[in-house]
C-alpha atoms as a PDB file:
ATOM      1  CA  MET A   1       0.000   0.000   0.000  1.00  0.00           C
ATOM      2  CA  ALA A   2       2.984   2.286   0.358  1.00  0.00           C
ATOM      3  CA  GLY A   3       3.825   4.829  -2.339  1.00  0.00           C
ATOM      4  CA  THR A   4       7.067   6.617  -3.061  1.00  0.00           C
ATOM      5  CA  GLY A   5       8.070  10.097  -1.859  1.00  0.00           C
ATOM      6  CA  THR A   6      10.375  12.575  -3.571  1.00  0.00           C
ATOM      7  CA  ASP A   7      13.433  10.931  -2.033  1.00  0.00           C
ATOM      8  CA  GLY A   8      12.516   7.556  -3.522  1.00  0.00           C
ATOM      9  CA  THR A   9      11.677   5.970  -0.158  1.00  0.00           C
ATOM     10  CA  ALA A  10       8.401   4.209   0.552  1.00  0.00           C
ATOM     11  CA  SER A  11       5.693   6.312   2.161  1.00  0.00           C
ATOM     12  CA  LEU A  12       2.394   5.397   3.792  1.00  0.00           C
ATOM     13  CA  PRO A  13      -0.892   6.684   2.348  1.00  0.00           C
ATOM     14  CA  VAL A  14      -2.714   9.754   3.619  1.00  0.00           C
ATOM     15  CA  GLY A  15      -6.096   9.148   5.251  1.00  0.00           C
ATOM     16  CA  VAL A  16      -8.953  11.473   4.271  1.00  0.00           C
ATOM     17  CA  ILE A  17     -12.130  11.698   6.368  1.00  0.00           C
ATOM     18  CA  GLY A  18     -14.403  12.926   3.593  1.00  0.00           C
ATOM     19  CA  GLY A  19     -18.042  13.447   2.789  1.00  0.00           C
ATOM     20  CA  VAL A  20     -18.261  16.634   4.830  1.00  0.00           C
ATOM     21  CA  GLY A  21     -19.460  17.598   2.271  1.00  0.00           C
ATOM     22  CA  PRO A  22     -19.079  15.197  -0.625  1.00  0.00           C
ATOM     23  CA  GLN A  23     -18.450  17.822  -3.320  1.00  0.00           C
ATOM     24  CA  ALA A  24     -15.832  19.576  -1.204  1.00  0.00           C
ATOM     25  CA  THR A  25     -14.060  16.235  -0.773  1.00  0.00           C
ATOM     26  CA  ALA A  26     -14.066  15.684  -4.531  1.00  0.00           C
ATOM     27  CA  TYR A  27     -12.612  19.162  -5.077  1.00  0.00           C
ATOM     28  CA  PHE A  28      -9.953  18.517  -2.424  1.00  0.00           C
ATOM     29  CA  LEU A  29      -8.846  15.338  -4.194  1.00  0.00           C
ATOM     30  CA  ASP A  30      -8.765  17.164  -7.519  1.00  0.00           C
ATOM     31  CA  MET A  31      -6.660  19.932  -5.975  1.00  0.00           C
ATOM     32  CA  VAL A  32      -4.176  17.432  -4.553  1.00  0.00           C
ATOM     33  CA  VAL A  33      -3.755  15.817  -7.979  1.00  0.00           C
ATOM     34  CA  ARG A  34      -3.463  19.103  -9.878  1.00  0.00           C
ATOM     35  CA  LEU A  35      -1.104  20.712  -7.377  1.00  0.00           C
ATOM     36  CA  THR A  36       1.289  17.788  -7.024  1.00  0.00           C
ATOM     37  CA  ASP A  37       4.501  18.155  -9.013  1.00  0.00           C
ATOM     38  CA  ALA A  38       4.155  14.892 -10.910  1.00  0.00           C
ATOM     39  CA  ALA A  39       5.192  13.657 -14.356  1.00  0.00           C
ATOM     40  CA  ARG A  40       3.579  10.210 -14.094  1.00  0.00           C
ATOM     41  CA  ASP A  41       0.951   8.341 -12.082  1.00  0.00           C
ATOM     42  CA  GLN A  42       3.529   7.005  -9.661  1.00  0.00           C
ATOM     43  CA  ASP A  43       4.624  10.520  -8.649  1.00  0.00           C
ATOM     44  CA  HIS A  44       1.269  11.233  -6.990  1.00  0.00           C
ATOM     45  CA  LEU A  45       0.213  10.721  -3.374  1.00  0.00           C
ATOM     46  CA  ASP A  46      -1.404   7.519  -2.177  1.00  0.00           C
ATOM     47  CA  LEU A  47      -4.696   8.448  -0.507  1.00  0.00           C
ATOM     48  CA  LEU A  48      -7.249   6.410   1.418  1.00  0.00           C
ATOM     49  CA  VAL A  49     -10.562   8.277   1.286  1.00  0.00           C
ATOM     50  CA  TYR A  50     -13.588   7.516   3.420  1.00  0.00           C
ATOM     51  CA  ASP A  51     -16.287   9.614   1.741  1.00  0.00           C
ATOM     52  CA  HIS A  52     -18.728   9.366   4.641  1.00  0.00           C
ATOM     53  CA  ALA A  53     -21.559  11.638   3.492  1.00  0.00           C
ATOM     54  CA  THR A  54     -23.986  10.513   6.213  1.00  0.00           C
ATOM     55  CA  ILE A  55     -21.906  11.967   9.055  1.00  0.00           C
ATOM     56  CA  PRO A  56     -24.414  14.108  11.018  1.00  0.00           C
ATOM     57  CA  ASP A  57     -24.527  17.806  10.150  1.00  0.00           C
ATOM     58  CA  ARG A  58     -21.756  19.625  11.978  1.00  0.00           C
ATOM     59  CA  THR A  59     -23.345  23.083  12.070  1.00  0.00           C
ATOM     60  CA  ALA A  60     -26.723  21.774  13.254  1.00  0.00           C
ATOM     61  CA  PHE A  61     -25.122  20.036  16.235  1.00  0.00           C
ATOM     62  CA  ILE A  62     -22.927  22.993  17.176  1.00  0.00           C
ATOM     63  CA  LEU A  63     -25.897  25.370  17.061  1.00  0.00           C
ATOM     64  CA  GLY A  64     -28.066  22.986  19.090  1.00  0.00           C
ATOM     65  CA  THR A  65     -30.650  22.288  16.388  1.00  0.00           C
ATOM     66  CA  SER A  66     -29.663  18.597  16.250  1.00  0.00           C
ATOM     67  CA  THR A  67     -28.736  16.066  18.938  1.00  0.00           C
ATOM     68  CA  GLU A  68     -26.740  13.886  16.530  1.00  0.00           C
ATOM     69  CA  ASP A  69     -23.096  14.307  17.519  1.00  0.00           C
ATOM     70  CA  PRO A  70     -20.691  13.998  14.541  1.00  0.00           C
ATOM     71  CA  GLY A  71     -17.664  13.672  16.836  1.00  0.00           C
ATOM     72  CA  PRO A  72     -17.881   9.954  17.712  1.00  0.00           C
ATOM     73  CA  VAL A  73     -18.674   9.122  14.077  1.00  0.00           C
ATOM     74  CA  MET A  74     -15.597  10.986  12.856  1.00  0.00           C
ATOM     75  CA  ALA A  75     -13.491   9.327  15.573  1.00  0.00           C
ATOM     76  CA  ARG A  76     -14.570   5.871  14.400  1.00  0.00           C
ATOM     77  CA  ASP A  77     -13.819   6.838  10.800  1.00  0.00           C
ATOM     78  CA  ALA A  78     -10.338   7.914  11.875  1.00  0.00           C
ATOM     79  CA  GLN A  79      -9.775   4.574  13.586  1.00  0.00           C
ATOM     80  CA  ARG A  80     -10.852   2.701  10.454  1.00  0.00           C
ATOM     81  CA  LEU A  81      -8.378   4.664   8.354  1.00  0.00           C
ATOM     82  CA  GLU A  82      -5.629   4.168  10.947  1.00  0.00           C
ATOM     83  CA  ARG A  83      -6.133   0.404  10.754  1.00  0.00           C
ATOM     84  CA  PHE A  84      -5.413   0.619   7.020  1.00  0.00           C
ATOM     85  CA  GLY A  85      -1.984   2.040   7.867  1.00  0.00           C
ATOM     86  CA  VAL A  86      -2.203   5.748   7.009  1.00  0.00           C
ATOM     87  CA  SER A  87       0.645   8.111   7.860  1.00  0.00           C
ATOM     88  CA  PHE A  88      -1.588  11.013   8.906  1.00  0.00           C
ATOM     89  CA  LEU A  89      -5.176  12.201   8.593  1.00  0.00           C
ATOM     90  CA  VAL A  90      -6.826  15.205   6.972  1.00  0.00           C
ATOM     91  CA  VAL A  91     -10.412  16.418   7.215  1.00  0.00           C
ATOM     92  CA  PRO A  92     -11.395  18.733   4.321  1.00  0.00           C
ATOM     93  CA  CYS A  93     -14.034  20.576   6.353  1.00  0.00           C
ATOM     94  CA  ASN A  94     -13.632  23.631   8.583  1.00  0.00           C
ATOM     95  CA  THR A  95     -16.730  23.174  10.749  1.00  0.00           C
ATOM     96  CA  ALA A  96     -15.650  19.599  11.496  1.00  0.00           C
ATOM     97  CA  HIS A  97     -12.523  21.016  13.169  1.00  0.00           C
ATOM     98  CA  HIS A  98     -14.730  21.635  16.224  1.00  0.00           C
ATOM     99  CA  PHE A  99     -14.665  17.856  16.735  1.00  0.00           C
ATOM    100  CA  THR A 100     -10.948  17.362  16.061  1.00  0.00           C
ATOM    101  CA  ASP A 101     -10.128  16.700  19.719  1.00  0.00           C
ATOM    102  CA  GLN A 102     -12.282  13.568  19.598  1.00  0.00           C
ATOM    103  CA  VAL A 103     -10.530  12.431  16.430  1.00  0.00           C
ATOM    104  CA  VAL A 104      -7.053  13.112  17.826  1.00  0.00           C
ATOM    105  CA  ALA A 105      -7.880  11.220  21.026  1.00  0.00           C
ATOM    106  CA  ALA A 106      -9.072   8.191  19.051  1.00  0.00           C
ATOM    107  CA  VAL A 107      -5.909   7.582  16.999  1.00  0.00           C
ATOM    108  CA  ASP A 108      -2.131   7.590  17.276  1.00  0.00           C
ATOM    109  CA  VAL A 109      -1.425   9.116  13.847  1.00  0.00           C
ATOM    110  CA  PRO A 110      -1.237  12.923  13.452  1.00  0.00           C
ATOM    111  CA  VAL A 111      -4.180  15.009  12.196  1.00  0.00           C
ATOM    112  CA  LEU A 112      -3.258  17.915   9.912  1.00  0.00           C
ATOM    113  CA  SER A 113      -5.265  20.974  10.977  1.00  0.00           C
ATOM    114  CA  ILE A 114      -7.036  22.926   8.235  1.00  0.00           C
ATOM    115  CA  ILE A 115      -7.440  25.792  10.713  1.00  0.00           C
ATOM    116  CA  ASP A 116      -3.799  26.078  11.809  1.00  0.00           C
ATOM    117  CA  GLU A 117      -2.515  25.815   8.250  1.00  0.00           C
ATOM    118  CA  THR A 118      -4.946  28.464   6.974  1.00  0.00           C
ATOM    119  CA  VAL A 119      -4.019  30.850   9.781  1.00  0.00           C
ATOM    120  CA  ALA A 120      -0.314  30.373   9.013  1.00  0.00           C
ATOM    121  CA  GLU A 121      -0.897  30.983   5.292  1.00  0.00           C
ATOM    122  CA  SER A 122      -2.876  34.165   6.034  1.00  0.00           C
ATOM    123  CA  GLN A 123       0.052  35.534   8.004  1.00  0.00           C
ATOM    124  CA  ARG A 124       2.423  34.697   5.167  1.00  0.00           C
ATOM    125  CA  ARG A 125       0.274  36.697   2.743  1.00  0.00           C
ATOM    126  CA  VAL A 126       0.426  39.980   4.698  1.00  0.00           C
ATOM    127  CA  ASP A 127       3.409  41.061   6.782  1.00  0.00           C
ATOM    128  CA  GLY A 128       2.173  42.288  10.160  1.00  0.00           C
ATOM    129  CA  LEU A 129      -1.374  41.063   9.558  1.00  0.00           C
ATOM    130  CA  ARG A 130      -3.857  42.801  11.849  1.00  0.00           C
ATOM    131  CA  ARG A 131      -7.411  42.132  10.577  1.00  0.00           C
ATOM    132  CA  VAL A 132      -8.852  39.125   8.766  1.00  0.00           C
ATOM    133  CA  GLY A 133     -12.297  38.781   7.240  1.00  0.00           C
ATOM    134  CA  LEU A 134     -13.845  35.359   7.845  1.00  0.00           C
ATOM    135  CA  LEU A 135     -16.450  33.660   5.671  1.00  0.00           C
ATOM    136  CA  ALA A 136     -17.662  30.409   7.214  1.00  0.00           C
ATOM    137  CA  THR A 137     -20.722  28.509   8.361  1.00  0.00           C
ATOM    138  CA  SER A 138     -22.557  29.787  11.426  1.00  0.00           C
ATOM    139  CA  GLY A 139     -21.349  26.610  13.172  1.00  0.00           C
ATOM    140  CA  THR A 140     -17.713  27.507  12.543  1.00  0.00           C
ATOM    141  CA  LEU A 141     -18.324  31.065  13.722  1.00  0.00           C
ATOM    142  CA  HIS A 142     -20.125  29.864  16.859  1.00  0.00           C
ATOM    143  CA  ALA A 143     -17.347  27.388  17.653  1.00  0.00           C
ATOM    144  CA  ARG A 144     -14.769  30.216  17.278  1.00  0.00           C
ATOM    145  CA  VAL A 145     -12.119  27.854  15.915  1.00  0.00           C
ATOM    146  CA  TYR A 146     -10.668  30.540  13.649  1.00  0.00           C
ATOM    147  CA  ASP A 147     -11.151  33.360  16.142  1.00  0.00           C
ATOM    148  CA  SER A 148      -9.145  31.532  18.813  1.00  0.00           C
ATOM    149  CA  ALA A 149      -6.324  30.657  16.408  1.00  0.00           C
ATOM    150  CA  PHE A 150      -6.035  34.176  14.963  1.00  0.00           C
ATOM    151  CA  GLU A 151      -6.420  35.961  18.298  1.00  0.00           C
ATOM    152  CA  ALA A 152      -3.572  33.877  19.725  1.00  0.00           C
ATOM    153  CA  SER A 153      -1.385  35.629  17.127  1.00  0.00           C
ATOM    154  CA  GLY A 154      -2.836  39.076  17.829  1.00  0.00           C
ATOM    155  CA  VAL A 155      -4.999  39.151  14.691  1.00  0.00           C
ATOM    156  CA  GLU A 156      -8.570  40.461  14.843  1.00  0.00           C
ATOM    157  CA  VAL A 157     -11.305  38.523  13.029  1.00  0.00           C
ATOM    158  CA  VAL A 158     -13.961  40.544  11.186  1.00  0.00           C
ATOM    159  CA  ARG A 159     -17.237  38.700  10.638  1.00  0.00           C
ATOM    160  CA  PRO A 160     -20.145  39.443   8.301  1.00  0.00           C
ATOM    161  CA  ASP A 161     -23.113  41.228   9.837  1.00  0.00           C
ATOM    162  CA  GLU A 162     -26.328  39.300  10.455  1.00  0.00           C
ATOM    163  CA  ALA A 163     -27.774  39.877   6.978  1.00  0.00           C
ATOM    164  CA  ASP A 164     -24.535  38.967   5.214  1.00  0.00           C
ATOM    165  CA  GLN A 165     -24.083  35.845   7.343  1.00  0.00           C
ATOM    166  CA  ALA A 166     -27.595  34.763   6.379  1.00  0.00           C
ATOM    167  CA  ALA A 167     -26.569  35.256   2.746  1.00  0.00           C
ATOM    168  CA  VAL A 168     -23.419  33.161   3.257  1.00  0.00           C
ATOM    169  CA  MET A 169     -25.440  30.319   4.798  1.00  0.00           C
ATOM    170  CA  GLU A 170     -27.949  30.433   1.956  1.00  0.00           C
ATOM    171  CA  ILE A 171     -25.136  30.283  -0.586  1.00  0.00           C
ATOM    172  CA  ILE A 172     -23.520  27.330   1.224  1.00  0.00           C
ATOM    173  CA  TYR A 173     -26.627  25.244   1.929  1.00  0.00           C
ATOM    174  CA  GLU A 174     -29.199  26.226  -0.678  1.00  0.00           C
ATOM    175  CA  GLN A 175     -26.845  26.773  -3.596  1.00  0.00           C
ATOM    176  CA  VAL A 176     -23.509  24.907  -3.350  1.00  0.00           C
ATOM    177  CA  LYS A 177     -24.624  21.897  -1.279  1.00  0.00           C
ATOM    178  CA  ALA A 178     -27.881  21.710  -3.224  1.00  0.00           C
ATOM    179  CA  GLY A 179     -26.064  21.724  -6.561  1.00  0.00           C
ATOM    180  CA  ARG A 180     -27.721  24.943  -7.722  1.00  0.00           C
ATOM    181  CA  PRO A 181     -26.158  28.000  -9.432  1.00  0.00           C
ATOM    182  CA  VAL A 182     -24.321  30.366  -7.108  1.00  0.00           C
ATOM    183  CA  ASP A 183     -25.259  34.040  -6.803  1.00  0.00           C
ATOM    184  CA  LEU A 184     -21.696  35.268  -7.344  1.00  0.00           C
ATOM    185  CA  PRO A 185     -22.418  39.036  -7.095  1.00  0.00           C
ATOM    186  CA  ARG A 186     -24.081  38.439  -3.730  1.00  0.00           C
ATOM    187  CA  PHE A 187     -21.080  36.449  -2.550  1.00  0.00           C
ATOM    188  CA  THR A 188     -18.490  38.992  -3.707  1.00  0.00           C
ATOM    189  CA  GLY A 189     -20.590  41.766  -2.163  1.00  0.00           C
ATOM    190  CA  VAL A 190     -20.150  40.160   1.250  1.00  0.00           C
ATOM    191  CA  MET A 191     -16.391  40.090   0.716  1.00  0.00           C
ATOM    192  CA  ASP A 192     -16.373  43.726  -0.373  1.00  0.00           C
ATOM    193  CA  ARG A 193     -18.083  44.761   2.857  1.00  0.00           C
ATOM    194  CA  LEU A 194     -15.534  42.840   4.942  1.00  0.00           C
ATOM    195  CA  ARG A 195     -12.747  44.678   3.140  1.00  0.00           C
ATOM    196  CA  ALA A 196     -14.519  47.977   3.797  1.00  0.00           C
ATOM    197  CA  ALA A 197     -14.471  47.005   7.483  1.00  0.00           C
ATOM    198  CA  GLY A 198     -10.673  46.785   7.348  1.00  0.00           C
ATOM    199  CA  ALA A 199     -10.012  43.149   6.479  1.00  0.00           C
ATOM    200  CA  GLN A 200      -6.588  42.803   4.854  1.00  0.00           C
ATOM    201  CA  VAL A 201      -7.194  39.157   3.983  1.00  0.00           C
ATOM    202  CA  ILE A 202     -10.422  37.236   3.388  1.00  0.00           C
ATOM    203  CA  VAL A 203     -10.393  33.642   4.620  1.00  0.00           C
ATOM    204  CA  LEU A 204     -12.708  31.219   2.857  1.00  0.00           C
ATOM    205  CA  GLY A 205     -13.291  29.174   5.985  1.00  0.00           C
ATOM    206  CA  CYS A 206     -15.844  26.790   4.491  1.00  0.00           C
ATOM    207  CA  THR A 207     -14.953  24.227   1.871  1.00  0.00           C
ATOM    208  CA  GLU A 208     -18.224  24.860   0.007  1.00  0.00           C
ATOM    209  CA  LEU A 209     -16.972  28.408  -0.510  1.00  0.00           C
ATOM    210  CA  SER A 210     -13.755  26.858  -1.837  1.00  0.00           C
ATOM    211  CA  ILE A 211     -15.866  25.283  -4.568  1.00  0.00           C
ATOM    212  CA  ILE A 212     -17.062  28.743  -5.608  1.00  0.00           C
ATOM    213  CA  ALA A 213     -13.479  30.022  -5.663  1.00  0.00           C
ATOM    214  CA  ALA A 214     -12.374  27.101  -7.827  1.00  0.00           C
ATOM    215  CA  ASP A 215     -15.308  27.282 -10.235  1.00  0.00           C
ATOM    216  CA  HIS A 216     -14.955  31.029 -10.806  1.00  0.00           C
ATOM    217  CA  GLY A 217     -11.159  31.406 -10.687  1.00  0.00           C
ATOM    218  CA  LEU A 218     -11.299  33.752  -7.699  1.00  0.00           C
ATOM    219  CA  LEU A 219      -7.911  32.805  -6.260  1.00  0.00           C
ATOM    220  CA  GLU A 220      -6.054  33.628  -9.449  1.00  0.00           C
ATOM    221  CA  ALA A 221      -7.655  37.067  -9.581  1.00  0.00           C
ATOM    222  CA  ASP A 222      -7.224  38.035  -5.917  1.00  0.00           C
ATOM    223  CA  ARG A 223      -4.204  37.140  -3.765  1.00  0.00           C
ATOM    224  CA  SER A 224      -5.915  38.564  -0.690  1.00  0.00           C
ATOM    225  CA  LEU A 225      -8.227  35.516  -0.701  1.00  0.00           C
ATOM    226  CA  VAL A 226      -6.955  32.618   1.395  1.00  0.00           C
ATOM    227  CA  ASP A 227      -8.853  29.456   0.559  1.00  0.00           C
ATOM    228  CA  SER A 228      -8.716  26.862   3.339  1.00  0.00           C
ATOM    229  CA  LEU A 229      -9.200  23.900   0.987  1.00  0.00           C
ATOM    230  CA  ASP A 230      -6.408  25.050  -1.327  1.00  0.00           C
ATOM    231  CA  VAL A 231      -4.132  25.528   1.686  1.00  0.00           C
ATOM    232  CA  LEU A 232      -4.964  22.077   3.061  1.00  0.00           C
ATOM    233  CA  ALA A 233      -4.269  20.448  -0.303  1.00  0.00           C
ATOM    234  CA  ARG A 234      -0.850  22.111  -0.542  1.00  0.00           C
ATOM    235  CA  ARG A 235       0.163  21.249   3.010  1.00  0.00           C
ATOM    236  CA  THR A 236      -1.062  17.664   2.553  1.00  0.00           C
ATOM    237  CA  ILE A 237       1.200  17.259  -0.474  1.00  0.00           C
ATOM    238  CA  GLU A 238       4.197  18.639   1.428  1.00  0.00           C
ATOM    239  CA  ARG A 239       3.475  16.653   4.600  1.00  0.00           C
ATOM    240  CA  ALA A 240       3.355  13.474   2.489  1.00  0.00           C
ATOM    241  CA  GLY A 241       6.872  14.178   1.226  1.00  0.00           C
ATOM    242  CA  HIS A 242       5.960  15.423  -2.257  1.00  0.00           C
ATOM    243  CA  ARG A 243       6.438  18.766  -3.986  1.00  0.00           C
ATOM    244  CA  VAL A 244       3.773  21.322  -4.839  1.00  0.00           C
ATOM    245  CA  ARG A 245       3.713  22.225  -8.523  1.00  0.00           C
ATOM    246  CA  ALA A 246       5.151  25.697  -9.130  1.00  0.00           C
END
């Protein structure tokens, strides 16, 4: 099951707890393939993907509108992947990070944090970063996973107002997750208002928003956008001992 890293030595596969959501997982896998510096099939990462779409809704549990706890489900998924012999785990979902402690406690292999890596990338983009705009699910905002990580580095998080957050949730759940067309002007309008509030960087802290960025080429047009899924894909490639395509 082992693949080969850039130094020619055998490497264990990467475990992916997917399905949260399914389309974001598919985009993550596509990003890993496209971003890996590879000239042949054998130069790519070995991945074990558990696309577990029926994991209970993360935001609903965090906000108290559901009693179905995703944490134990994710922990069992992590244990299944560990038994297959993975080197480390990734979870291509920001809201799911709220349950990472349960996953970490259930396994002995490391879990690469989408939050920590996105925070680090944001600081690389702007020297002396002071204010970050955050677009995420209401569950992620309520859990304060990004706020805590940024505030530990002295960076203030700017959130959308109530109306704009409602728009973000509608775009995530009723458009992207539902497979319907995205209201791009509405989405970019939310980002414009965060910039007007002083945000030097906009973090796409929901992997459904990463889908919008990928589909509409937003990252190529705007370096102030930090896409968490793109960051996770790049760090996964590097952590697995491969090179990111220049």
